[in-house]
């Protein structure tokens, strides 16, 4: 099921761009897997992203919509300049229980989020969290967290 608010090419309020499917696809095709900066105003305003975003259409696929809410499926079809078409279908969203991140990806994401939040001790926080199952006390971890 595609909600109309997710298919706006040029939302009228800036925070809405963070939920634009066209923007997510355009930035991913140009830059690869997006990170937080891909949804900042500077990325939204990039001429290359805007030009590609305007070429992207979003349509509900009945076969995929029928699987909702058990599966948050999506299909993308990209037509290349030479006319070839590439199609990919993703049955479940990465990070959902049906398609979980592995431990390394979870740790990487946690560190990147803490770094993006300006926490200088992200590595210490992650190490402390991983040590909790064998720790005799939570106090050292909470002290690390508080200092992050």
Protein backbone atom coordinates (compact mmCIF):
# COMPACT_ATOMS: atom_id res chain seq x y z
CA UNK A 1 0.00 0.00 0.00
CA UNK A 2 1.49 3.34 -1.04
CA UNK A 3 0.26 6.35 0.85
CA UNK A 4 -0.11 9.53 -1.19
CA UNK A 5 2.22 11.46 1.15
CA UNK A 6 5.08 9.15 0.20
CA UNK A 7 4.79 9.83 -3.50
CA UNK A 8 5.13 13.61 -3.53
CA UNK A 9 7.99 14.64 -5.79
CA UNK A 10 8.25 18.15 -4.32
CA UNK A 11 6.71 18.27 -0.83
CA UNK A 12 5.72 21.76 0.26
CA UNK A 13 7.27 21.45 3.72
CA UNK A 14 10.91 20.47 4.04
CA UNK A 15 10.63 17.67 6.62
CA UNK A 16 8.31 15.82 4.23
CA UNK A 17 11.23 15.18 1.87
CA UNK A 18 12.53 12.64 4.38
CA UNK A 19 9.55 10.46 3.49
CA UNK A 20 9.61 10.85 -0.29
CA UNK A 21 10.02 7.51 -2.05
CA UNK A 22 11.26 9.31 -5.16
CA UNK A 23 13.99 11.00 -3.14
CA UNK A 24 15.03 7.77 -1.42
CA UNK A 25 15.31 5.98 -4.75
CA UNK A 26 17.10 8.85 -6.51
CA UNK A 27 19.69 9.37 -3.80
CA UNK A 28 20.27 5.61 -3.54
CA UNK A 29 20.79 5.23 -7.28
CA UNK A 30 23.26 8.13 -7.35
CA UNK A 31 25.15 7.68 -4.07
CA UNK A 32 24.51 4.11 -2.98
CA UNK A 33 22.99 3.09 0.33
CA UNK A 34 21.77 6.30 1.99
CA UNK A 35 22.75 7.57 5.40
CA UNK A 36 21.33 10.42 7.47
CA UNK A 37 22.98 13.09 5.33
CA UNK A 38 21.05 11.83 2.30
CA UNK A 39 17.89 13.30 3.84
CA UNK A 40 19.29 16.68 4.81
CA UNK A 41 18.18 19.79 2.88
CA UNK A 42 21.48 19.96 0.97
CA UNK A 43 20.92 16.50 -0.51
CA UNK A 44 17.30 17.35 -1.31
CA UNK A 45 18.38 20.43 -3.24
CA UNK A 46 21.13 18.76 -5.30
CA UNK A 47 20.49 19.27 -9.01
CA UNK A 48 21.40 15.68 -9.93
CA UNK A 49 19.08 14.26 -7.28
CA UNK A 50 16.25 16.61 -8.24
CA UNK A 51 16.58 15.74 -11.95
CA UNK A 52 16.45 12.01 -11.28
CA UNK A 53 13.69 12.36 -8.69
CA UNK A 54 11.48 13.99 -11.31
CA UNK A 55 11.86 10.92 -13.55
CA UNK A 56 10.69 8.47 -10.88
CA UNK A 57 7.11 7.29 -10.67
CA UNK A 58 5.59 5.33 -7.82
CA UNK A 59 2.73 2.90 -8.26
CA UNK A 60 1.10 0.37 -5.96
CA UNK A 61 1.62 -3.22 -7.11
CA UNK A 62 -1.47 -5.21 -6.22
CA UNK A 63 0.48 -8.45 -5.76
CA UNK A 64 2.80 -6.77 -3.26
CA UNK A 65 0.02 -4.83 -1.54
CA UNK A 66 -1.84 -8.11 -0.99
CA UNK A 67 1.05 -9.32 1.21
CA UNK A 68 0.76 -6.31 3.54
CA UNK A 69 1.00 -6.15 6.58
CA UNK A 70 2.83 -9.48 6.86
CA UNK A 71 5.44 -8.25 4.39
CA UNK A 72 6.54 -4.70 3.53
CA UNK A 73 7.48 -5.64 0.00
CA UNK A 74 8.71 -3.38 -2.76
CA UNK A 75 9.69 -3.73 -6.39
CA UNK A 76 11.84 -1.36 -8.38
CA UNK A 77 12.29 -1.28 -12.13
CA UNK A 78 15.06 0.89 -13.53
CA UNK A 79 15.29 1.60 -17.24
CA UNK A 80 18.84 2.37 -18.30
CA UNK A 81 19.82 4.85 -21.02
CA UNK A 82 20.49 1.98 -23.43
CA UNK A 83 16.91 0.71 -22.93
CA UNK A 84 17.73 -2.26 -20.75
CA UNK A 85 15.59 -2.72 -17.66
CA UNK A 86 16.70 -3.96 -14.24
CA UNK A 87 14.04 -5.18 -11.82
CA UNK A 88 14.51 -6.04 -8.15
CA UNK A 89 11.91 -7.16 -5.64
CA UNK A 90 12.46 -7.02 -1.88
CA UNK A 91 9.98 -9.15 0.06
CA UNK A 92 10.74 -7.60 3.45
CA UNK A 93 12.38 -4.39 4.62
CA UNK A 94 15.94 -4.69 5.87
CA UNK A 95 15.88 -4.58 9.66
CA UNK A 96 12.39 -6.03 9.99
CA UNK A 97 12.07 -9.35 11.87
CA UNK A 98 11.65 -11.17 8.55
CA UNK A 99 14.90 -9.67 7.22
CA UNK A 100 17.02 -8.85 10.27
CA UNK A 101 20.33 -7.06 10.30
CA UNK A 102 23.25 -9.26 11.29
CA UNK A 103 25.25 -8.44 14.41
CA UNK A 104 27.97 -6.57 12.50
CA UNK A 105 25.39 -4.38 10.73
CA UNK A 106 23.61 -3.60 14.03
CA UNK A 107 26.89 -2.59 15.67
CA UNK A 108 27.91 -0.50 12.69
CA UNK A 109 24.57 1.27 12.63
CA UNK A 110 24.66 1.94 16.38
CA UNK A 111 28.14 3.44 16.13
CA UNK A 112 27.22 5.56 13.11
CA UNK A 113 24.11 6.90 14.84
CA UNK A 114 26.02 7.77 17.99
CA UNK A 115 28.75 9.44 15.91
CA UNK A 116 26.08 11.41 14.02
CA UNK A 117 24.62 12.50 17.36
CA UNK A 118 28.03 13.82 18.36
CA UNK A 119 28.84 11.20 20.96
CA UNK A 120 32.61 10.95 21.08
CA UNK A 121 32.60 7.64 22.94
CA UNK A 122 30.42 5.51 20.66
CA UNK A 123 32.91 2.65 20.68
CA UNK A 124 32.97 2.63 24.50
CA UNK A 125 29.17 2.60 24.68
CA UNK A 126 28.90 -0.31 22.23
CA UNK A 127 31.66 -2.26 24.00
CA UNK A 128 29.98 -1.64 27.35
CA UNK A 129 26.62 -2.82 26.05
CA UNK A 130 28.17 -5.99 24.64
CA UNK A 131 29.84 -6.71 28.00
CA UNK A 132 26.58 -6.43 29.96
CA UNK A 133 25.64 -10.15 29.86
CA UNK A 134 28.84 -11.02 31.74
CA UNK A 135 29.06 -7.90 33.89
CA UNK A 136 28.51 -8.09 37.61
CA UNK A 137 26.95 -4.64 37.63
CA UNK A 138 25.34 -2.22 35.23
CA UNK A 139 26.98 0.75 36.94
CA UNK A 140 30.13 0.91 34.76
CA UNK A 141 27.98 0.85 31.63
CA UNK A 142 25.69 3.60 32.82
CA UNK A 143 28.73 5.72 33.65
CA UNK A 144 30.05 5.18 30.11
CA UNK A 145 26.64 6.02 28.67
CA UNK A 146 26.37 9.16 30.75
CA UNK A 147 29.78 10.27 29.54
CA UNK A 148 28.94 9.69 25.90
